[in-house]
Amino acid sequence: MKKYECVLVNHHDKIAGTIDSYQQKGWHLHTYQATLVDALTSSVNHYLLFEKE
Protein backbone atom coordinates (compact mmCIF):
# COMPACT_ATOMS: atom_id res chain seq x y z
CA MET A 1 0.00 0.00 0.00
CA LYS A 2 1.36 3.41 -0.96
CA LYS A 3 1.80 6.18 1.59
CA TYR A 4 1.48 9.88 0.77
CA GLU A 5 2.74 12.95 2.60
CA CYS A 6 2.08 16.59 1.72
CA VAL A 7 4.75 19.10 2.71
CA LEU A 8 4.29 22.88 2.74
CA VAL A 9 7.37 24.93 1.82
CA ASN A 10 7.08 28.69 2.26
CA HIS A 11 10.06 29.76 0.14
CA HIS A 12 11.29 28.43 -3.19
CA ASP A 13 14.90 28.33 -1.93
CA LYS A 14 13.97 25.42 0.36
CA ILE A 15 12.30 23.20 -2.28
CA ALA A 16 15.45 21.42 -3.49
CA GLY A 17 16.63 20.67 0.05
CA THR A 18 13.22 19.36 1.03
CA ILE A 19 13.05 17.05 -2.00
CA ASP A 20 16.59 15.80 -1.35
CA SER A 21 15.81 15.12 2.30
CA TYR A 22 12.68 13.11 1.48
CA GLN A 23 14.39 11.16 -1.32
CA GLN A 24 17.11 10.06 1.08
CA LYS A 25 14.33 8.59 3.24
CA GLY A 26 12.87 6.61 0.32
CA TRP A 27 10.12 9.03 -0.73
CA HIS A 28 9.52 10.11 -4.35
CA LEU A 29 8.08 13.44 -5.44
CA HIS A 30 4.64 12.77 -6.89
CA THR A 31 3.19 16.24 -7.41
CA TYR A 32 4.27 19.87 -6.99
CA GLN A 33 1.86 22.80 -6.74
CA ALA A 34 2.46 26.49 -6.05
CA THR A 35 -0.25 28.93 -4.92
CA LEU A 36 -0.14 32.69 -4.57
CA VAL A 37 -0.99 33.67 -0.99
CA ASP A 38 -0.54 37.45 -1.06
CA ALA A 39 -0.11 39.39 -4.31
CA LEU A 40 1.18 42.50 -2.52
CA THR A 41 4.15 40.71 -0.97
CA SER A 42 4.47 38.03 -3.69
CA SER A 43 4.06 35.39 -0.99
CA VAL A 44 3.78 31.89 -2.48
CA ASN A 45 3.16 28.54 -0.81
CA HIS A 46 4.74 25.48 -2.41
CA TYR A 47 3.08 22.11 -1.81
CA LEU A 48 5.10 18.96 -2.40
CA LEU A 49 3.27 15.64 -2.41
CA PHE A 50 5.55 12.67 -1.81
CA GLU A 51 4.73 8.99 -2.19
CA LYS A 52 6.36 5.87 -0.81
CA GLU A 53 5.68 2.18 -1.42
C-alpha atoms as a PDB file:
ATOM      1  CA  MET A   1       0.000   0.000   0.000  1.00  0.00           C
ATOM      2  CA  LYS A   2       1.356   3.414  -0.964  1.00  0.00           C
ATOM      3  CA  LYS A   3       1.801   6.180   1.586  1.00  0.00           C
ATOM      4  CA  TYR A   4       1.477   9.878   0.772  1.00  0.00           C
ATOM      5  CA  GLU A   5       2.741  12.946   2.603  1.00  0.00           C
ATOM      6  CA  CYS A   6       2.078  16.586   1.721  1.00  0.00           C
ATOM      7  CA  VAL A   7       4.751  19.101   2.706  1.00  0.00           C
ATOM      8  CA  LEU A   8       4.288  22.880   2.737  1.00  0.00           C
ATOM      9  CA  VAL A   9       7.375  24.926   1.825  1.00  0.00           C
ATOM     10  CA  ASN A  10       7.076  28.687   2.264  1.00  0.00           C
ATOM     11  CA  HIS A  11      10.060  29.757   0.141  1.00  0.00           C
ATOM     12  CA  HIS A  12      11.289  28.427  -3.190  1.00  0.00           C
ATOM     13  CA  ASP A  13      14.897  28.328  -1.933  1.00  0.00           C
ATOM     14  CA  LYS A  14      13.965  25.417   0.361  1.00  0.00           C
ATOM     15  CA  ILE A  15      12.302  23.204  -2.284  1.00  0.00           C
ATOM     16  CA  ALA A  16      15.454  21.415  -3.487  1.00  0.00           C
ATOM     17  CA  GLY A  17      16.633  20.671   0.048  1.00  0.00           C
ATOM     18  CA  THR A  18      13.217  19.360   1.035  1.00  0.00           C
ATOM     19  CA  ILE A  19      13.054  17.052  -1.998  1.00  0.00           C
ATOM     20  CA  ASP A  20      16.585  15.804  -1.354  1.00  0.00           C
ATOM     21  CA  SER A  21      15.812  15.116   2.302  1.00  0.00           C
ATOM     22  CA  TYR A  22      12.681  13.107   1.475  1.00  0.00           C
ATOM     23  CA  GLN A  23      14.386  11.164  -1.324  1.00  0.00           C
ATOM     24  CA  GLN A  24      17.106  10.062   1.084  1.00  0.00           C
ATOM     25  CA  LYS A  25      14.332   8.591   3.244  1.00  0.00           C
ATOM     26  CA  GLY A  26      12.870   6.608   0.319  1.00  0.00           C
ATOM     27  CA  TRP A  27      10.119   9.034  -0.732  1.00  0.00           C
ATOM     28  CA  HIS A  28       9.523  10.109  -4.348  1.00  0.00           C
ATOM     29  CA  LEU A  29       8.080  13.437  -5.443  1.00  0.00           C
ATOM     30  CA  HIS A  30       4.639  12.765  -6.893  1.00  0.00           C
ATOM     31  CA  THR A  31       3.189  16.245  -7.408  1.00  0.00           C
ATOM     32  CA  TYR A  32       4.267  19.871  -6.991  1.00  0.00           C
ATOM     33  CA  GLN A  33       1.859  22.803  -6.736  1.00  0.00           C
ATOM     34  CA  ALA A  34       2.456  26.492  -6.050  1.00  0.00           C
ATOM     35  CA  THR A  35      -0.251  28.929  -4.921  1.00  0.00           C
ATOM     36  CA  LEU A  36      -0.143  32.692  -4.567  1.00  0.00           C
ATOM     37  CA  VAL A  37      -0.988  33.673  -0.992  1.00  0.00           C
ATOM     38  CA  ASP A  38      -0.537  37.453  -1.063  1.00  0.00           C
ATOM     39  CA  ALA A  39      -0.107  39.392  -4.306  1.00  0.00           C
ATOM     40  CA  LEU A  40       1.180  42.499  -2.519  1.00  0.00           C
ATOM     41  CA  THR A  41       4.152  40.705  -0.969  1.00  0.00           C
ATOM     42  CA  SER A  42       4.466  38.032  -3.691  1.00  0.00           C
ATOM     43  CA  SER A  43       4.062  35.392  -0.994  1.00  0.00           C
ATOM     44  CA  VAL A  44       3.780  31.894  -2.479  1.00  0.00           C
ATOM     45  CA  ASN A  45       3.164  28.535  -0.807  1.00  0.00           C
ATOM     46  CA  HIS A  46       4.735  25.485  -2.414  1.00  0.00           C
ATOM     47  CA  TYR A  47       3.082  22.115  -1.813  1.00  0.00           C
ATOM     48  CA  LEU A  48       5.097  18.958  -2.404  1.00  0.00           C
ATOM     49  CA  LEU A  49       3.268  15.636  -2.409  1.00  0.00           C
ATOM     50  CA  PHE A  50       5.548  12.671  -1.808  1.00  0.00           C
ATOM     51  CA  GLU A  51       4.732   8.988  -2.190  1.00  0.00           C
ATOM     52  CA  LYS A  52       6.356   5.872  -0.807  1.00  0.00           C
ATOM     53  CA  GLU A  53       5.680   2.180  -1.423  1.00  0.00           C
END
